Amino acid sequence: MGQAALEIDGVLDIETEKWSTYRLGALLTADGKYFETRSPLKLFERTLEIEGQVWAHNGGKFDFLWWIEMAIAAGVQCSVQLAGSRITRIDCGRLTLRDSFALIPMSLAKAADIAGMVKGEPGFPCDCGEDCGGFCAIREDMPPERWRKLSEYLRRDCDVL
């Protein structure tokens, strides 16, 4: 019996405010092209252009919820596969979104460490007291330096995935 090859035509990641409001997102394609935007619509449309499989780590709990909301608003028909409360796969025409957590059931930071890579953190101070790693500091009105740090963090996430 032969082994199926893992297809990776791109990786998708978004950063949010309060875990639910899109603030910055990126798509890194297999040919090395990196697309980053503050516009959720632009990222959604760019992702729809991909023919193949796009992966997101823990996408079935976060990124894909945003993506499905965008698809519903745009009237894009998709089929969704679940495993419990997690979305494992979304098919929209020739695009398939897949959750890498199903293959690598650990944090992306731990997986990166095992692979000899460094994921890092955005380095923002935590103001919420929930030990969130500084993600509570992500806001639309962040100063330019924080946007730059968030952009660098997002790029590292895509590279690691």
C-alpha atoms as a PDB file:
ATOM      1  CA  MET A   1       0.000   0.000   0.000  1.00  0.00           C
ATOM      2  CA  GLY A   2       1.460   3.369  -1.023  1.00  0.00           C
ATOM      3  CA  GLN A   3       1.594   6.460   1.114  1.00  0.00           C
ATOM      4  CA  ALA A   4      -0.310   9.582   0.173  1.00  0.00           C
ATOM      5  CA  ALA A   5       1.773  12.727  -0.118  1.00  0.00           C
ATOM      6  CA  LEU A   6       0.862  15.661   2.091  1.00  0.00           C
ATOM      7  CA  GLU A   7      -0.141  18.534  -0.163  1.00  0.00           C
ATOM      8  CA  ILE A   8       0.641  22.039   1.045  1.00  0.00           C
ATOM      9  CA  ASP A   9      -0.261  24.749  -1.429  1.00  0.00           C
ATOM     10  CA  GLY A  10      -0.342  27.442   1.213  1.00  0.00           C
ATOM     11  CA  VAL A  11      -0.660  28.308   4.867  1.00  0.00           C
ATOM     12  CA  LEU A  12      -3.069  30.783   6.403  1.00  0.00           C
ATOM     13  CA  ASP A  13      -2.937  32.600   9.725  1.00  0.00           C
ATOM     14  CA  ILE A  14      -4.840  35.472  11.264  1.00  0.00           C
ATOM     15  CA  GLU A  15      -4.279  37.599  14.356  1.00  0.00           C
ATOM     16  CA  THR A  16      -7.295  38.872  16.242  1.00  0.00           C
ATOM     17  CA  GLU A  17      -8.384  41.335  18.862  1.00  0.00           C
ATOM     18  CA  LYS A  18     -10.101  39.690  21.835  1.00  0.00           C
ATOM     19  CA  TRP A  19      -9.813  36.307  20.037  1.00  0.00           C
ATOM     20  CA  SER A  20     -12.603  37.132  17.597  1.00  0.00           C
ATOM     21  CA  THR A  21     -12.059  40.386  15.675  1.00  0.00           C
ATOM     22  CA  TYR A  22      -9.751  40.083  12.660  1.00  0.00           C
ATOM     23  CA  ARG A  23      -6.860  42.560  12.763  1.00  0.00           C
ATOM     24  CA  LEU A  24      -4.124  41.103  10.539  1.00  0.00           C
ATOM     25  CA  GLY A  25      -3.891  38.037   8.351  1.00  0.00           C
ATOM     26  CA  ALA A  26      -1.490  36.373   5.983  1.00  0.00           C
ATOM     27  CA  LEU A  27      -1.248  33.714   3.330  1.00  0.00           C
ATOM     28  CA  LEU A  28       2.073  32.094   2.408  1.00  0.00           C
ATOM     29  CA  THR A  29       1.885  30.014  -0.773  1.00  0.00           C
ATOM     30  CA  ALA A  30       4.036  27.045  -1.748  1.00  0.00           C
ATOM     31  CA  ASP A  31       5.930  29.166  -4.277  1.00  0.00           C
ATOM     32  CA  GLY A  32       7.094  31.437  -1.420  1.00  0.00           C
ATOM     33  CA  LYS A  33       4.766  34.364  -2.106  1.00  0.00           C
ATOM     34  CA  TYR A  34       3.654  36.074   1.085  1.00  0.00           C
ATOM     35  CA  PHE A  35       0.478  38.148   1.227  1.00  0.00           C
ATOM     36  CA  GLU A  36      -0.380  40.100   4.382  1.00  0.00           C
ATOM     37  CA  THR A  37      -3.286  42.466   4.929  1.00  0.00           C
ATOM     38  CA  ARG A  38      -5.364  44.243   7.533  1.00  0.00           C
ATOM     39  CA  SER A  39      -8.392  43.704   5.291  1.00  0.00           C
ATOM     40  CA  PRO A  40     -10.299  40.505   6.097  1.00  0.00           C
ATOM     41  CA  LEU A  41     -12.059  40.680   2.715  1.00  0.00           C
ATOM     42  CA  LYS A  42      -8.771  40.887   0.788  1.00  0.00           C
ATOM     43  CA  LEU A  43      -7.352  37.865   2.630  1.00  0.00           C
ATOM     44  CA  PHE A  44     -10.553  35.907   2.092  1.00  0.00           C
ATOM     45  CA  GLU A  45     -10.590  36.723  -1.642  1.00  0.00           C
ATOM     46  CA  ARG A  46      -6.880  35.943  -2.040  1.00  0.00           C
ATOM     47  CA  THR A  47      -7.347  32.585  -0.304  1.00  0.00           C
ATOM     48  CA  LEU A  48     -10.238  31.724  -2.633  1.00  0.00           C
ATOM     49  CA  GLU A  49      -7.835  32.089  -5.579  1.00  0.00           C
ATOM     50  CA  ILE A  50      -5.775  29.099  -4.399  1.00  0.00           C
ATOM     51  CA  GLU A  51      -6.356  25.786  -6.107  1.00  0.00           C
ATOM     52  CA  GLY A  52      -5.261  23.157  -3.644  1.00  0.00           C
ATOM     53  CA  GLN A  53      -4.800  22.731   0.070  1.00  0.00           C
ATOM     54  CA  VAL A  54      -4.240  25.607   2.477  1.00  0.00           C
ATOM     55  CA  TRP A  55      -3.398  24.740   6.067  1.00  0.00           C
ATOM     56  CA  ALA A  56      -3.915  26.668   9.303  1.00  0.00           C
ATOM     57  CA  HIS A  57      -2.714  25.528  12.709  1.00  0.00           C
ATOM     58  CA  ASN A  58      -5.628  25.229  15.108  1.00  0.00           C
ATOM     59  CA  GLY A  59      -7.684  26.683  12.268  1.00  0.00           C
ATOM     60  CA  GLY A  60     -10.635  24.524  13.244  1.00  0.00           C
ATOM     61  CA  LYS A  61     -11.069  26.470  16.478  1.00  0.00           C
ATOM     62  CA  PHE A  62     -10.158  29.993  15.321  1.00  0.00           C
ATOM     63  CA  ASP A  63      -9.132  30.919  11.758  1.00  0.00           C
ATOM     64  CA  PHE A  64     -11.791  28.796  10.072  1.00  0.00           C
ATOM     65  CA  LEU A  65     -14.608  30.354  12.107  1.00  0.00           C
ATOM     66  CA  TRP A  66     -13.607  33.728  10.658  1.00  0.00           C
ATOM     67  CA  TRP A  67     -13.265  32.189   7.194  1.00  0.00           C
ATOM     68  CA  ILE A  68     -16.740  30.582   7.316  1.00  0.00           C
ATOM     69  CA  GLU A  69     -18.289  33.895   8.408  1.00  0.00           C
ATOM     70  CA  MET A  70     -16.645  35.538   5.382  1.00  0.00           C
ATOM     71  CA  ALA A  71     -17.898  32.759   3.072  1.00  0.00           C
ATOM     72  CA  ILE A  72     -21.468  33.106   4.354  1.00  0.00           C
ATOM     73  CA  ALA A  73     -21.369  36.903   3.950  1.00  0.00           C
ATOM     74  CA  ALA A  74     -20.022  36.515   0.392  1.00  0.00           C
ATOM     75  CA  GLY A  75     -22.547  33.813  -0.531  1.00  0.00           C
ATOM     76  CA  VAL A  76     -19.767  31.288  -1.213  1.00  0.00           C
ATOM     77  CA  GLN A  77     -20.939  27.677  -0.966  1.00  0.00           C
ATOM     78  CA  CYS A  78     -18.663  25.401   1.038  1.00  0.00           C
ATOM     79  CA  SER A  79     -18.832  21.996   2.629  1.00  0.00           C
ATOM     80  CA  VAL A  80     -17.495  21.644   6.151  1.00  0.00           C
ATOM     81  CA  GLN A  81     -16.182  18.539   7.922  1.00  0.00           C
ATOM     82  CA  LEU A  82     -16.062  18.376  11.693  1.00  0.00           C
ATOM     83  CA  ALA A  83     -14.394  16.236  14.338  1.00  0.00           C
ATOM     84  CA  GLY A  84     -16.309  16.993  17.499  1.00  0.00           C
ATOM     85  CA  SER A  85     -16.420  20.772  17.827  1.00  0.00           C
ATOM     86  CA  ARG A  86     -13.386  21.298  15.555  1.00  0.00           C
ATOM     87  CA  ILE A  87     -13.562  22.096  11.853  1.00  0.00           C
ATOM     88  CA  THR A  88     -11.045  19.793  10.190  1.00  0.00           C
ATOM     89  CA  ARG A  89     -11.730  20.634   6.546  1.00  0.00           C
ATOM     90  CA  ILE A  90     -13.538  23.190   4.407  1.00  0.00           C
ATOM     91  CA  ASP A  91     -14.028  22.570   0.683  1.00  0.00           C
ATOM     92  CA  CYS A  92     -14.908  25.497  -1.585  1.00  0.00           C
ATOM     93  CA  GLY A  93     -14.548  24.621  -5.242  1.00  0.00           C
ATOM     94  CA  ARG A  94     -10.889  23.822  -5.891  1.00  0.00           C
ATOM     95  CA  LEU A  95      -9.791  25.208  -2.517  1.00  0.00           C
ATOM     96  CA  THR A  96      -9.506  22.988   0.551  1.00  0.00           C
ATOM     97  CA  LEU A  97      -8.739  24.470   3.955  1.00  0.00           C
ATOM     98  CA  ARG A  98      -7.237  21.970   6.419  1.00  0.00           C
ATOM     99  CA  ASP A  99      -6.427  22.157  10.119  1.00  0.00           C
ATOM    100  CA  SER A 100      -2.870  21.029  10.827  1.00  0.00           C
ATOM    101  CA  PHE A 101      -3.736  20.480  14.509  1.00  0.00           C
ATOM    102  CA  ALA A 102      -5.371  17.229  13.362  1.00  0.00           C
ATOM    103  CA  LEU A 103      -1.886  16.051  12.292  1.00  0.00           C
ATOM    104  CA  ILE A 104       0.172  17.880  14.913  1.00  0.00           C
ATOM    105  CA  PRO A 105      -1.944  17.939  18.103  1.00  0.00           C
ATOM    106  CA  MET A 106       0.190  20.405  20.038  1.00  0.00           C
ATOM    107  CA  SER A 107       0.918  24.106  20.085  1.00  0.00           C
ATOM    108  CA  LEU A 108       2.697  25.481  17.049  1.00  0.00           C
ATOM    109  CA  ALA A 109       5.474  26.665  19.404  1.00  0.00           C
ATOM    110  CA  LYS A 110       6.055  23.104  20.655  1.00  0.00           C
ATOM    111  CA  ALA A 111       5.976  21.693  17.116  1.00  0.00           C
ATOM    112  CA  ALA A 112       8.458  24.364  16.015  1.00  0.00           C
ATOM    113  CA  ASP A 113      10.773  23.456  18.891  1.00  0.00           C
ATOM    114  CA  ILE A 114      10.656  19.757  17.937  1.00  0.00           C
ATOM    115  CA  ALA A 115      11.520  20.728  14.357  1.00  0.00           C
ATOM    116  CA  GLY A 116      14.442  22.883  15.517  1.00  0.00           C
ATOM    117  CA  MET A 117      12.677  26.138  14.664  1.00  0.00           C
ATOM    118  CA  VAL A 118      11.805  29.168  16.789  1.00  0.00           C
ATOM    119  CA  LYS A 119       8.247  30.471  16.668  1.00  0.00           C
ATOM    120  CA  GLY A 120       8.505  33.257  19.228  1.00  0.00           C
ATOM    121  CA  GLU A 121       5.809  35.493  20.642  1.00  0.00           C
ATOM    122  CA  PRO A 122       4.715  38.992  19.659  1.00  0.00           C
ATOM    123  CA  GLY A 123       6.335  40.389  22.809  1.00  0.00           C
ATOM    124  CA  PHE A 124       3.456  42.607  23.889  1.00  0.00           C
ATOM    125  CA  PRO A 125       2.759  43.224  27.571  1.00  0.00           C
ATOM    126  CA  CYS A 126      -0.224  41.363  29.027  1.00  0.00           C
ATOM    127  CA  ASP A 127      -2.735  43.778  30.561  1.00  0.00           C
ATOM    128  CA  CYS A 128      -5.632  41.365  31.059  1.00  0.00           C
ATOM    129  CA  GLY A 129      -4.106  39.275  33.852  1.00  0.00           C
ATOM    130  CA  GLU A 130      -5.017  36.045  32.027  1.00  0.00           C
ATOM    131  CA  ASP A 131      -1.424  35.169  31.074  1.00  0.00           C
ATOM    132  CA  CYS A 132      -2.377  35.521  27.409  1.00  0.00           C
ATOM    133  CA  GLY A 133       1.146  36.153  26.131  1.00  0.00           C
ATOM    134  CA  GLY A 134       0.315  39.738  25.255  1.00  0.00           C
ATOM    135  CA  PHE A 135      -2.407  38.936  22.737  1.00  0.00           C
ATOM    136  CA  CYS A 136      -4.791  41.162  24.721  1.00  0.00           C
ATOM    137  CA  ALA A 137      -2.714  44.100  23.438  1.00  0.00           C
ATOM    138  CA  ILE A 138      -3.782  43.553  19.813  1.00  0.00           C
ATOM    139  CA  ARG A 139      -6.069  46.440  18.867  1.00  0.00           C
ATOM    140  CA  GLU A 140      -6.972  48.487  15.814  1.00  0.00           C
ATOM    141  CA  ASP A 141      -5.418  51.587  17.412  1.00  0.00           C
ATOM    142  CA  MET A 142      -2.005  50.043  18.167  1.00  0.00           C
ATOM    143  CA  PRO A 143       1.021  52.255  17.535  1.00  0.00           C
ATOM    144  CA  PRO A 144       3.039  51.538  14.348  1.00  0.00           C
ATOM    145  CA  GLU A 145       5.791  49.722  16.294  1.00  0.00           C
ATOM    146  CA  ARG A 146       3.273  47.187  17.622  1.00  0.00           C
ATOM    147  CA  TRP A 147       1.844  46.670  14.136  1.00  0.00           C
ATOM    148  CA  ARG A 148       5.401  46.000  12.918  1.00  0.00           C
ATOM    149  CA  LYS A 149       5.994  43.459  15.710  1.00  0.00           C
ATOM    150  CA  LEU A 150       2.661  41.773  15.015  1.00  0.00           C
ATOM    151  CA  SER A 151       3.532  41.572  11.318  1.00  0.00           C
ATOM    152  CA  GLU A 152       6.895  39.957  12.114  1.00  0.00           C
ATOM    153  CA  TYR A 153       5.209  37.491  14.465  1.00  0.00           C
ATOM    154  CA  LEU A 154       2.592  36.587  11.845  1.00  0.00           C
ATOM    155  CA  ARG A 155       5.269  35.961   9.232  1.00  0.00           C
ATOM    156  CA  ARG A 156       7.179  33.656  11.636  1.00  0.00           C
ATOM    157  CA  ASP A 157       3.962  31.713  12.293  1.00  0.00           C
ATOM    158  CA  CYS A 158       3.464  31.190   8.560  1.00  0.00           C
ATOM    159  CA  ASP A 159       7.088  30.173   8.054  1.00  0.00           C
ATOM    160  CA  VAL A 160       6.938  27.670  10.923  1.00  0.00           C
ATOM    161  CA  LEU A 161       3.693  26.132   9.707  1.00  0.00           C
END
